[in-house]
N, C-alpha and C. Protein backbone atom coordinates (compact mmCIF):
# COMPACT_ATOMS: atom_id res chain seq x y z
N MET A 1 15.55 -1.65 32.47
CA MET A 1 16.48 -0.74 31.70
C MET A 1 16.95 0.55 32.61
N PRO A 2 15.95 1.01 33.36
CA PRO A 2 16.66 2.01 34.39
C PRO A 2 17.88 1.56 35.40
N SER A 3 17.67 0.41 35.75
CA SER A 3 18.61 -0.39 36.84
C SER A 3 20.19 -0.61 35.98
N LYS A 4 19.82 -0.56 34.63
CA LYS A 4 21.10 -1.09 33.86
C LYS A 4 21.47 0.35 33.81
N ILE A 5 21.03 1.57 33.55
CA ILE A 5 21.25 3.15 33.56
C ILE A 5 22.30 3.24 34.12
N ALA A 6 21.39 3.13 35.76
CA ALA A 6 21.99 3.30 37.41
C ALA A 6 23.13 2.42 37.15
N ALA A 7 23.48 1.23 36.90
CA ALA A 7 24.45 0.59 37.07
C ALA A 7 25.76 1.05 36.53
N ALA A 8 25.53 1.65 34.99
CA ALA A 8 26.41 1.98 34.30
C ALA A 8 27.06 3.27 34.64
N LEU A 9 26.21 4.24 35.58
CA LEU A 9 26.49 5.45 36.03
C LEU A 9 27.39 5.26 37.29
N SER A 10 27.15 4.05 38.16
CA SER A 10 27.67 3.81 39.23
C SER A 10 29.46 3.61 39.32
N ALA A 11 30.07 4.65 40.20
CA ALA A 11 31.46 4.39 40.13
C ALA A 11 31.81 4.15 41.67
N PRO A 12 32.80 4.45 42.24
CA PRO A 12 33.35 4.07 43.05
C PRO A 12 33.11 5.51 43.93
N GLY A 13 32.60 5.29 45.13
CA GLY A 13 31.95 6.73 45.77
C GLY A 13 31.03 7.62 45.25
N ILE A 14 30.44 7.07 44.07
CA ILE A 14 28.93 7.32 43.43
C ILE A 14 28.03 6.45 43.48
N SER A 15 26.86 6.99 43.86
CA SER A 15 25.62 5.88 43.69
C SER A 15 24.72 6.14 43.16
N SER A 16 23.98 5.31 42.19
CA SER A 16 23.44 5.74 41.29
C SER A 16 21.90 5.40 41.74
N LEU A 17 20.82 6.06 42.08
CA LEU A 17 19.74 5.50 42.33
C LEU A 17 18.39 5.40 40.82
N THR A 18 17.88 4.32 40.78
CA THR A 18 16.68 4.44 39.96
C THR A 18 15.37 5.27 40.65
N TRP A 19 14.24 5.74 39.89
CA TRP A 19 13.22 6.32 40.34
C TRP A 19 12.41 5.30 41.39
N GLU A 20 12.54 4.15 40.81
CA GLU A 20 11.86 2.80 41.55
C GLU A 20 12.46 2.63 43.28
N ASP A 21 13.81 2.95 43.06
CA ASP A 21 14.70 3.09 44.30
C ASP A 21 14.31 3.90 45.29
N MET A 22 14.02 5.30 44.22
CA MET A 22 14.06 6.20 45.12
C MET A 22 12.52 6.64 45.78
N HIS A 23 11.16 5.78 44.98
CA HIS A 23 10.02 6.18 45.42
C HIS A 23 9.44 4.62 45.71
N ALA A 24 10.42 4.01 46.31
CA ALA A 24 9.88 2.33 46.96
C ALA A 24 8.84 2.44 48.05
N VAL A 25 8.47 3.36 48.67
CA VAL A 25 7.18 3.30 49.34
C VAL A 25 5.88 3.57 48.65
N LEU A 26 6.06 4.87 47.48
CA LEU A 26 5.00 4.83 46.83
C LEU A 26 4.78 3.84 45.97
N LEU A 27 5.36 3.35 45.30
CA LEU A 27 5.58 1.86 44.40
C LEU A 27 4.45 0.76 44.93
N GLU A 28 5.23 0.40 46.30
CA GLU A 28 4.16 -0.64 47.43
C GLU A 28 2.85 0.07 47.60
N THR A 29 3.01 1.39 48.15
CA THR A 29 1.32 1.72 48.17
C THR A 29 0.38 1.76 47.05
N ILE A 30 0.99 2.00 45.63
CA ILE A 30 0.38 1.54 44.66
C ILE A 30 -0.24 -0.01 44.37
N GLN A 31 0.77 -0.90 44.50
CA GLN A 31 0.47 -2.40 44.56
C GLN A 31 -0.47 -2.81 45.80
N THR A 32 -0.39 -1.93 47.03
CA THR A 32 -1.48 -2.26 47.81
C THR A 32 -2.98 -1.73 47.55
N ALA A 33 -2.77 -0.71 46.82
CA ALA A 33 -4.13 0.14 46.51
C ALA A 33 -4.73 -0.99 45.33
N ILE A 34 -4.03 -1.70 44.45
CA ILE A 34 -4.50 -2.21 43.58
C ILE A 34 -4.98 -3.83 44.12
N GLY A 35 -4.41 -4.00 45.04
CA GLY A 35 -5.19 -5.65 46.06
C GLY A 35 -6.19 -5.09 46.22
N PHE A 36 -6.29 -3.93 46.90
CA PHE A 36 -7.58 -3.51 47.56
C PHE A 36 -8.89 -3.01 46.54
N TYR A 37 -8.44 -2.64 45.27
CA TYR A 37 -8.85 -2.61 43.97
C TYR A 37 -10.08 -3.86 43.66
N TYR A 38 -9.06 -5.11 43.64
CA TYR A 38 -9.65 -6.26 43.31
C TYR A 38 -10.66 -6.98 44.44
N LEU A 39 -9.94 -6.95 46.02
CA LEU A 39 -11.06 -7.14 46.81
C LEU A 39 -12.44 -6.40 46.47
N ILE A 40 -12.13 -5.27 46.36
CA ILE A 40 -13.98 -4.38 46.19
C ILE A 40 -14.58 -5.34 45.33
N TYR A 41 -13.71 -5.18 44.00
CA TYR A 41 -14.33 -5.83 42.73
C TYR A 41 -14.92 -7.51 43.19
N GLY A 42 -14.02 -7.71 43.85
CA GLY A 42 -14.78 -9.28 44.41
C GLY A 42 -16.03 -8.79 45.51
N ILE A 43 -15.91 -8.54 46.01
CA ILE A 43 -17.20 -8.12 46.94
C ILE A 43 -18.11 -7.60 46.14
N VAL A 44 -17.99 -6.37 45.46
CA VAL A 44 -19.09 -6.07 44.32
C VAL A 44 -20.08 -7.49 43.69
N ILE A 45 -19.29 -7.97 43.01
CA ILE A 45 -19.48 -9.01 42.15
C ILE A 45 -19.96 -10.09 43.05
N LEU A 46 -19.95 -10.47 44.20
CA LEU A 46 -20.58 -11.35 45.31
C LEU A 46 -21.50 -10.78 45.42
N VAL A 47 -22.04 -9.21 45.78
CA VAL A 47 -23.22 -8.43 46.05
C VAL A 47 -23.96 -8.83 44.92
N VAL A 48 -23.96 -8.62 44.06
CA VAL A 48 -24.64 -8.88 42.62
C VAL A 48 -24.81 -10.17 42.27
N ALA A 49 -24.34 -10.86 42.56
CA ALA A 49 -24.41 -12.42 42.38
C ALA A 49 -25.63 -13.04 43.03
N VAL A 50 -25.60 -12.52 44.52
CA VAL A 50 -26.65 -12.66 45.56
C VAL A 50 -28.30 -12.05 45.20
N ILE A 51 -27.58 -10.98 44.46
CA ILE A 51 -28.88 -10.18 44.31
C ILE A 51 -29.45 -10.75 43.04
N ILE A 52 -28.91 -11.26 42.06
CA ILE A 52 -29.14 -11.71 41.03
C ILE A 52 -29.78 -13.40 41.45
N MET A 53 -29.17 -13.83 42.10
CA MET A 53 -30.05 -15.28 42.41
C MET A 53 -31.16 -15.11 42.94
N ASN A 54 -31.31 -14.14 44.23
CA ASN A 54 -32.55 -13.59 44.81
C ASN A 54 -33.45 -13.34 44.30
N THR A 55 -33.38 -12.32 42.66
CA THR A 55 -34.43 -11.99 41.54
C THR A 55 -35.06 -13.09 41.13
N LEU A 56 -34.19 -14.11 40.34
CA LEU A 56 -33.93 -14.90 39.84
C LEU A 56 -35.30 -15.94 40.80
N LEU A 57 -34.89 -16.16 42.16
CA LEU A 57 -35.55 -17.32 42.57
C LEU A 57 -37.16 -16.12 42.76
N MET A 58 -37.13 -15.20 43.43
CA MET A 58 -38.19 -14.30 43.25
C MET A 58 -39.24 -14.58 42.08
N ALA A 59 -38.49 -14.27 41.14
CA ALA A 59 -39.34 -14.53 39.78
C ALA A 59 -39.89 -16.14 39.47
N ILE A 60 -39.04 -16.99 40.12
CA ILE A 60 -40.05 -18.84 39.59
C ILE A 60 -40.91 -18.55 41.01
N PHE A 61 -40.63 -18.15 42.39
CA PHE A 61 -41.55 -18.25 43.14
C PHE A 61 -43.18 -17.52 42.49
N GLU A 62 -42.89 -16.48 42.03
CA GLU A 62 -44.12 -15.67 41.46
C GLU A 62 -44.70 -16.35 40.01
N ARG A 63 -43.76 -17.36 39.27
CA ARG A 63 -44.35 -17.62 38.29
C ARG A 63 -44.87 -19.28 38.55
N THR A 64 -44.92 -19.57 39.76
CA THR A 64 -44.75 -21.06 39.92
C THR A 64 -45.90 -21.57 39.05
N ARG A 65 -47.00 -21.02 39.17
CA ARG A 65 -48.77 -21.64 38.52
C ARG A 65 -48.11 -21.92 37.06
N GLU A 66 -47.47 -20.38 36.36
CA GLU A 66 -46.93 -20.36 34.98
C GLU A 66 -46.11 -21.64 34.49
N MET A 67 -45.01 -22.05 35.43
CA MET A 67 -44.49 -23.08 35.69
C MET A 67 -45.02 -24.54 35.50
N GLY A 68 -45.74 -24.63 36.10
CA GLY A 68 -46.95 -25.88 36.62
C GLY A 68 -47.60 -26.10 35.19
N ILE A 69 -48.27 -25.16 34.58
CA ILE A 69 -48.87 -25.26 33.20
C ILE A 69 -48.02 -25.48 32.35
N LEU A 70 -46.94 -25.02 31.86
CA LEU A 70 -45.96 -25.53 31.04
C LEU A 70 -45.70 -26.73 30.76
N ALA A 71 -45.60 -27.33 32.46
CA ALA A 71 -45.23 -28.68 32.61
C ALA A 71 -46.01 -29.69 32.30
N ALA A 72 -47.52 -29.26 32.77
CA ALA A 72 -48.52 -29.81 32.22
C ALA A 72 -48.95 -30.10 30.78
N LEU A 73 -48.43 -28.64 30.38
CA LEU A 73 -48.41 -28.85 28.62
C LEU A 73 -47.53 -29.47 27.93
N GLY A 74 -46.62 -30.28 28.62
CA GLY A 74 -45.73 -31.12 27.94
C GLY A 74 -44.39 -30.71 28.21
N MET A 75 -43.92 -29.26 28.79
CA MET A 75 -42.54 -28.64 28.71
C MET A 75 -41.85 -29.91 29.77
N LYS A 76 -40.58 -29.93 29.21
CA LYS A 76 -39.94 -30.89 29.96
C LYS A 76 -39.13 -30.09 30.83
N GLY A 77 -38.49 -30.58 32.02
CA GLY A 77 -37.76 -30.30 32.72
C GLY A 77 -36.62 -29.20 32.69
N ARG A 78 -36.11 -29.71 31.43
CA ARG A 78 -34.67 -29.30 31.19
C ARG A 78 -35.18 -27.85 30.05
N GLN A 79 -36.47 -27.94 29.15
CA GLN A 79 -36.45 -26.68 28.66
C GLN A 79 -36.88 -25.88 29.52
N ILE A 80 -37.48 -26.07 30.64
CA ILE A 80 -37.94 -24.86 31.68
C ILE A 80 -36.70 -24.42 32.09
N MET A 81 -35.84 -25.34 32.10
CA MET A 81 -34.40 -24.72 32.87
C MET A 81 -34.01 -23.91 31.78
N LEU A 82 -33.83 -24.06 30.65
CA LEU A 82 -33.37 -23.21 29.86
C LEU A 82 -34.04 -22.23 29.56
N MET A 83 -35.47 -22.33 29.62
CA MET A 83 -35.83 -21.00 29.46
C MET A 83 -35.54 -19.93 30.67
N VAL A 84 -35.43 -20.56 31.89
CA VAL A 84 -35.01 -19.72 32.84
C VAL A 84 -33.70 -19.03 32.54
N LEU A 85 -32.70 -19.90 32.42
CA LEU A 85 -31.30 -19.85 31.55
C LEU A 85 -31.20 -18.76 30.83
N LEU A 86 -31.86 -18.84 29.67
CA LEU A 86 -32.03 -17.77 28.72
C LEU A 86 -32.38 -16.58 29.22
N GLU A 87 -33.43 -16.25 30.06
CA GLU A 87 -33.97 -15.12 31.14
C GLU A 87 -32.46 -14.58 31.26
N ALA A 88 -32.03 -15.08 32.13
CA ALA A 88 -31.01 -14.60 33.04
C ALA A 88 -29.88 -14.45 32.28
N THR A 89 -29.41 -15.08 31.20
CA THR A 89 -28.33 -14.68 30.19
C THR A 89 -28.79 -13.11 29.69
N THR A 90 -30.16 -13.29 29.02
CA THR A 90 -30.77 -12.11 28.29
C THR A 90 -30.58 -10.93 29.59
N LEU A 91 -30.59 -10.59 30.79
CA LEU A 91 -31.02 -9.56 31.77
C LEU A 91 -29.28 -9.43 32.06
N ALA A 92 -28.56 -10.44 31.99
CA ALA A 92 -26.92 -10.47 32.40
C ALA A 92 -26.54 -9.48 30.94
N LEU A 93 -26.53 -9.96 29.71
CA LEU A 93 -26.09 -9.03 28.82
C LEU A 93 -26.88 -7.78 28.82
N VAL A 94 -28.04 -7.68 28.86
CA VAL A 94 -28.79 -6.15 29.17
C VAL A 94 -28.05 -5.45 30.01
N GLY A 95 -28.09 -5.82 30.98
CA GLY A 95 -27.39 -5.01 32.37
C GLY A 95 -25.70 -4.74 32.35
N ILE A 96 -25.14 -5.77 31.53
CA ILE A 96 -23.75 -5.47 31.01
C ILE A 96 -23.17 -4.96 30.04
N LEU A 97 -24.36 -4.87 29.18
CA LEU A 97 -24.54 -3.61 28.03
C LEU A 97 -24.13 -2.26 28.54
N PHE A 98 -25.83 -2.28 29.25
CA PHE A 98 -25.76 -1.02 29.54
C PHE A 98 -24.54 -0.42 30.75
N GLY A 99 -24.24 -1.00 31.76
CA GLY A 99 -22.97 -0.83 32.27
C GLY A 99 -21.79 -0.55 31.89
N MET A 100 -21.65 -1.21 30.79
CA MET A 100 -20.08 -1.04 29.97
C MET A 100 -20.52 0.27 29.33
N LEU A 101 -21.70 0.91 28.78
CA LEU A 101 -22.02 2.12 28.31
C LEU A 101 -21.94 3.11 29.62
N LEU A 102 -22.66 3.11 30.28
CA LEU A 102 -22.35 3.75 31.32
C LEU A 102 -21.28 4.12 32.15
N GLY A 103 -20.30 2.98 32.21
CA GLY A 103 -19.01 3.11 32.69
C GLY A 103 -18.21 3.69 31.85
N ALA A 104 -17.86 3.57 30.51
CA ALA A 104 -17.26 3.77 29.16
C ALA A 104 -17.24 5.92 29.60
N GLY A 105 -19.13 6.13 29.48
CA GLY A 105 -19.39 7.51 29.76
C GLY A 105 -18.82 8.05 30.57
N LEU A 106 -18.62 7.46 31.88
CA LEU A 106 -18.11 8.25 33.02
C LEU A 106 -16.62 8.35 33.37
N VAL A 107 -15.98 7.04 32.55
CA VAL A 107 -14.52 7.38 32.32
C VAL A 107 -14.42 8.17 31.59
N SER A 108 -14.66 8.30 30.13
CA SER A 108 -14.65 9.51 29.42
C SER A 108 -14.56 10.99 30.13
N TYR A 109 -15.83 11.10 30.48
CA TYR A 109 -15.89 12.20 31.03
C TYR A 109 -14.81 12.74 32.08
N VAL A 110 -14.29 11.92 33.05
CA VAL A 110 -13.79 12.26 33.84
C VAL A 110 -12.00 11.96 33.61
N ALA A 111 -11.86 11.65 32.48
CA ALA A 111 -10.68 11.31 31.65
C ALA A 111 -10.08 13.07 31.22
N ASN A 112 -11.53 13.19 30.44
CA ASN A 112 -11.42 14.54 30.38
C ASN A 112 -11.23 15.66 30.97
N VAL A 113 -11.96 15.70 32.18
CA VAL A 113 -12.37 16.77 33.28
C VAL A 113 -11.44 16.93 34.14
N GLY A 114 -11.65 15.50 35.07
CA GLY A 114 -10.43 15.53 35.87
C GLY A 114 -11.23 15.76 37.04
N ILE A 115 -10.97 14.99 38.36
CA ILE A 115 -11.73 15.43 39.56
C ILE A 115 -10.44 16.17 40.51
N PRO A 116 -11.04 17.42 40.98
CA PRO A 116 -10.10 18.58 41.52
C PRO A 116 -9.49 17.53 43.14
N ILE A 117 -8.30 17.97 43.02
CA ILE A 117 -7.93 17.34 44.50
C ILE A 117 -7.28 18.76 45.47
N GLY A 118 -7.09 19.77 44.53
CA GLY A 118 -7.01 21.17 45.29
C GLY A 118 -5.33 21.13 45.38
N GLU A 119 -4.88 22.18 46.06
CA GLU A 119 -3.36 22.65 45.97
C GLU A 119 -2.67 22.06 47.06
N SER A 120 -3.63 21.93 48.20
CA SER A 120 -3.19 21.06 49.41
C SER A 120 -2.70 19.64 49.25
N ILE A 121 -3.30 19.17 48.59
CA ILE A 121 -3.04 17.53 48.43
C ILE A 121 -1.43 17.40 47.59
N SER A 122 -1.18 18.29 46.49
CA SER A 122 -0.49 18.54 45.66
C SER A 122 1.16 19.13 46.16
N SER A 123 0.98 19.68 47.45
CA SER A 123 2.22 19.91 48.23
C SER A 123 2.82 18.47 48.99
N VAL A 124 1.94 18.05 49.77
CA VAL A 124 2.00 16.83 50.48
C VAL A 124 3.14 15.82 49.70
N ALA A 125 2.98 15.29 48.61
CA ALA A 125 3.59 14.23 48.25
C ALA A 125 5.48 15.06 47.59
N ASP A 126 6.26 14.86 48.98
CA ASP A 126 7.80 15.42 48.93
C ASP A 126 8.54 14.84 47.86
N GLY A 127 8.73 15.69 46.74
CA GLY A 127 9.41 15.42 45.67
C GLY A 127 8.80 14.67 44.67
N ILE A 128 7.38 14.51 44.72
CA ILE A 128 6.72 13.73 43.69
C ILE A 128 6.03 15.10 43.00
N SER A 129 6.08 15.01 41.89
CA SER A 129 5.12 16.16 41.02
C SER A 129 3.65 15.91 41.07
N LEU A 130 2.77 16.38 41.78
CA LEU A 130 1.09 15.90 41.49
C LEU A 130 0.70 17.34 40.87
N GLY A 131 -0.19 16.90 40.20
CA GLY A 131 -1.17 18.24 39.57
C GLY A 131 -2.66 18.38 40.80
N THR A 132 -3.59 19.23 40.14
CA THR A 132 -4.39 19.64 41.23
C THR A 132 -5.57 18.76 40.81
N ARG A 133 -5.57 18.21 39.85
CA ARG A 133 -6.52 16.93 39.10
C ARG A 133 -6.41 15.32 39.15
N LEU A 134 -7.11 14.90 39.21
CA LEU A 134 -6.52 13.13 39.08
C LEU A 134 -7.69 12.84 37.81
N TYR A 135 -7.36 12.09 37.01
CA TYR A 135 -7.72 11.65 35.82
C TYR A 135 -7.60 10.27 35.64
N THR A 136 -9.00 9.81 34.97
CA THR A 136 -8.80 8.46 34.75
C THR A 136 -8.09 8.16 33.65
N LYS A 137 -8.18 6.55 33.40
CA LYS A 137 -7.53 5.96 32.07
C LYS A 137 -8.67 4.66 32.08
N PHE A 138 -8.94 4.79 30.75
CA PHE A 138 -9.63 3.50 30.34
C PHE A 138 -8.39 2.34 29.96
N VAL A 139 -9.03 1.39 30.90
CA VAL A 139 -7.95 -0.03 30.88
C VAL A 139 -9.21 -1.21 30.06
N PRO A 140 -9.00 -1.76 28.94
CA PRO A 140 -9.79 -2.18 28.18
C PRO A 140 -9.53 -3.74 28.72
N GLY A 141 -8.67 -4.16 28.95
CA GLY A 141 -8.60 -5.47 29.64
C GLY A 141 -9.37 -5.78 30.93
N ASP A 142 -9.40 -4.58 31.98
CA ASP A 142 -10.18 -4.96 33.03
C ASP A 142 -11.97 -4.58 32.76
N PHE A 143 -11.99 -3.53 31.68
CA PHE A 143 -13.36 -3.00 31.25
C PHE A 143 -13.85 -4.77 30.52
N ILE A 144 -13.51 -5.14 29.89
CA ILE A 144 -13.23 -6.22 29.36
C ILE A 144 -13.77 -7.69 30.49
N GLY A 145 -12.30 -7.77 30.94
CA GLY A 145 -12.22 -9.08 32.48
C GLY A 145 -13.52 -9.22 32.86
N LEU A 146 -13.57 -7.88 33.91
CA LEU A 146 -14.70 -7.67 34.76
C LEU A 146 -16.22 -7.89 33.98
N SER A 147 -16.52 -7.44 32.55
CA SER A 147 -17.73 -8.06 32.33
C SER A 147 -17.54 -9.54 32.25
N MET A 148 -16.76 -10.21 31.57
CA MET A 148 -16.68 -11.66 31.44
C MET A 148 -16.97 -12.20 32.67
N ALA A 149 -16.45 -11.91 33.54
CA ALA A 149 -16.52 -12.67 34.88
C ALA A 149 -17.87 -12.53 35.98
N MET A 150 -18.81 -11.22 35.49
CA MET A 150 -19.68 -10.94 35.75
C MET A 150 -21.06 -11.64 35.28
N LEU A 151 -20.94 -11.85 33.70
CA LEU A 151 -21.52 -12.93 32.73
C LEU A 151 -21.40 -14.03 33.33
N ILE A 152 -20.25 -14.77 33.61
CA ILE A 152 -19.94 -16.00 34.17
C ILE A 152 -20.79 -16.29 35.43
N ILE A 153 -20.60 -15.38 36.42
CA ILE A 153 -20.91 -15.47 37.24
C ILE A 153 -22.72 -15.94 37.81
N ILE A 154 -23.16 -14.33 36.83
CA ILE A 154 -24.44 -14.52 36.81
C ILE A 154 -25.10 -15.86 36.22
N LEU A 155 -24.63 -16.73 35.29
CA LEU A 155 -25.33 -17.59 34.53
C LEU A 155 -24.72 -18.90 35.55
N LEU A 156 -23.70 -18.77 36.68
CA LEU A 156 -23.30 -19.85 37.53
C LEU A 156 -24.42 -19.46 38.53
N VAL A 157 -24.60 -18.73 38.90
CA VAL A 157 -25.69 -18.41 40.08
C VAL A 157 -27.28 -18.61 39.45
N SER A 158 -27.66 -18.30 38.36
CA SER A 158 -28.84 -18.76 37.91
C SER A 158 -28.88 -20.15 37.50
N LEU A 159 -28.12 -21.34 37.79
CA LEU A 159 -28.15 -22.25 37.75
C LEU A 159 -29.15 -23.10 39.00
N TYR A 160 -29.03 -22.52 40.32
CA TYR A 160 -29.85 -22.85 41.13
C TYR A 160 -31.31 -22.62 41.02
N PRO A 161 -31.39 -21.34 40.62
CA PRO A 161 -33.03 -21.17 40.61
C PRO A 161 -33.84 -21.80 38.96
N ALA A 162 -33.11 -22.42 38.00
CA ALA A 162 -33.06 -22.78 37.08
C ALA A 162 -33.55 -24.51 37.27
N TRP A 163 -32.86 -24.79 38.34
CA TRP A 163 -32.94 -26.35 38.27
C TRP A 163 -33.81 -26.38 39.11
N TYR A 164 -34.34 -25.41 40.34
CA TYR A 164 -35.30 -25.20 41.13
C TYR A 164 -36.82 -25.62 40.19
N ALA A 165 -36.74 -24.50 39.17
CA ALA A 165 -37.86 -24.49 38.63
C ALA A 165 -38.11 -26.00 37.37
N ALA A 166 -36.92 -26.44 37.09
CA ALA A 166 -37.34 -27.50 36.56
C ALA A 166 -37.68 -28.93 37.06
N ARG A 167 -37.66 -28.90 38.57
CA ARG A 167 -37.72 -29.65 39.49
C ARG A 167 -39.42 -29.96 39.70
N LEU A 168 -40.21 -28.23 39.60
CA LEU A 168 -41.47 -28.41 40.14
C LEU A 168 -42.15 -29.56 39.66
N GLU A 169 -43.15 -29.82 40.35
CA GLU A 169 -44.18 -30.86 40.39
C GLU A 169 -45.53 -30.23 39.51
N PRO A 170 -45.92 -30.45 38.32
CA PRO A 170 -46.87 -29.45 37.95
C PRO A 170 -48.32 -29.83 38.36
N VAL A 171 -48.73 -30.63 39.41
CA VAL A 171 -49.86 -30.82 40.19
C VAL A 171 -49.47 -29.56 41.60
N GLN A 172 -48.35 -29.98 42.13
CA GLN A 172 -48.11 -29.10 43.22
C GLN A 172 -48.02 -27.74 42.75
N ALA A 173 -47.36 -27.50 41.76
CA ALA A 173 -47.19 -25.93 41.19
C ALA A 173 -48.30 -25.28 40.64
N LEU A 174 -49.82 -26.10 40.20
CA LEU A 174 -50.81 -25.78 39.81
C LEU A 174 -52.02 -25.10 41.27
N ARG A 175 -51.51 -25.68 42.21
CA ARG A 175 -52.10 -25.28 43.17
C ARG A 175 -51.14 -24.52 44.10
N ALA A 176 -50.35 -23.89 43.97
CA ALA A 176 -49.67 -23.23 44.63
C ALA A 176 -49.98 -21.76 44.37
N LEU A 177 -50.17 -20.45 45.21
CA LEU A 177 -50.95 -19.38 45.30
C LEU A 177 -49.97 -18.42 44.73
């Protein structure tokens, strides 16, 4: 739409620029920043996935005798695997719910109060009106998308500990300390 208006206002000897044309560097900087946000999201999700898998593996190692007793009492490998996956799912859902509540509260607070950036920053941007505070914006799509991605990744990384627990031999598991 702005380009149609700029084209309509153009005449011989007069050039019209849209705000996108005038601030192309700013728009490019914003796109680069969004790319970095997604890179940071990926790194955080990867770190959390490794921590979750490590935690689940440690829980399996600490409960090896328990798994052995369950297997000796007749519990099938797939039932043990399902038990570990349900435990991981429960931990994931509780963690995601807690994270959503904490995140929504923090975003709501900063959306109302803002983060002071000072007078010197607002005068740096030539031709762009900036205030003295930065405010957040709640983006439901990112909020739900990241939560679902985290749930899926937690379930995927919990497959290996669950598979490991299901493959334990009852006799060897009962001998473990």
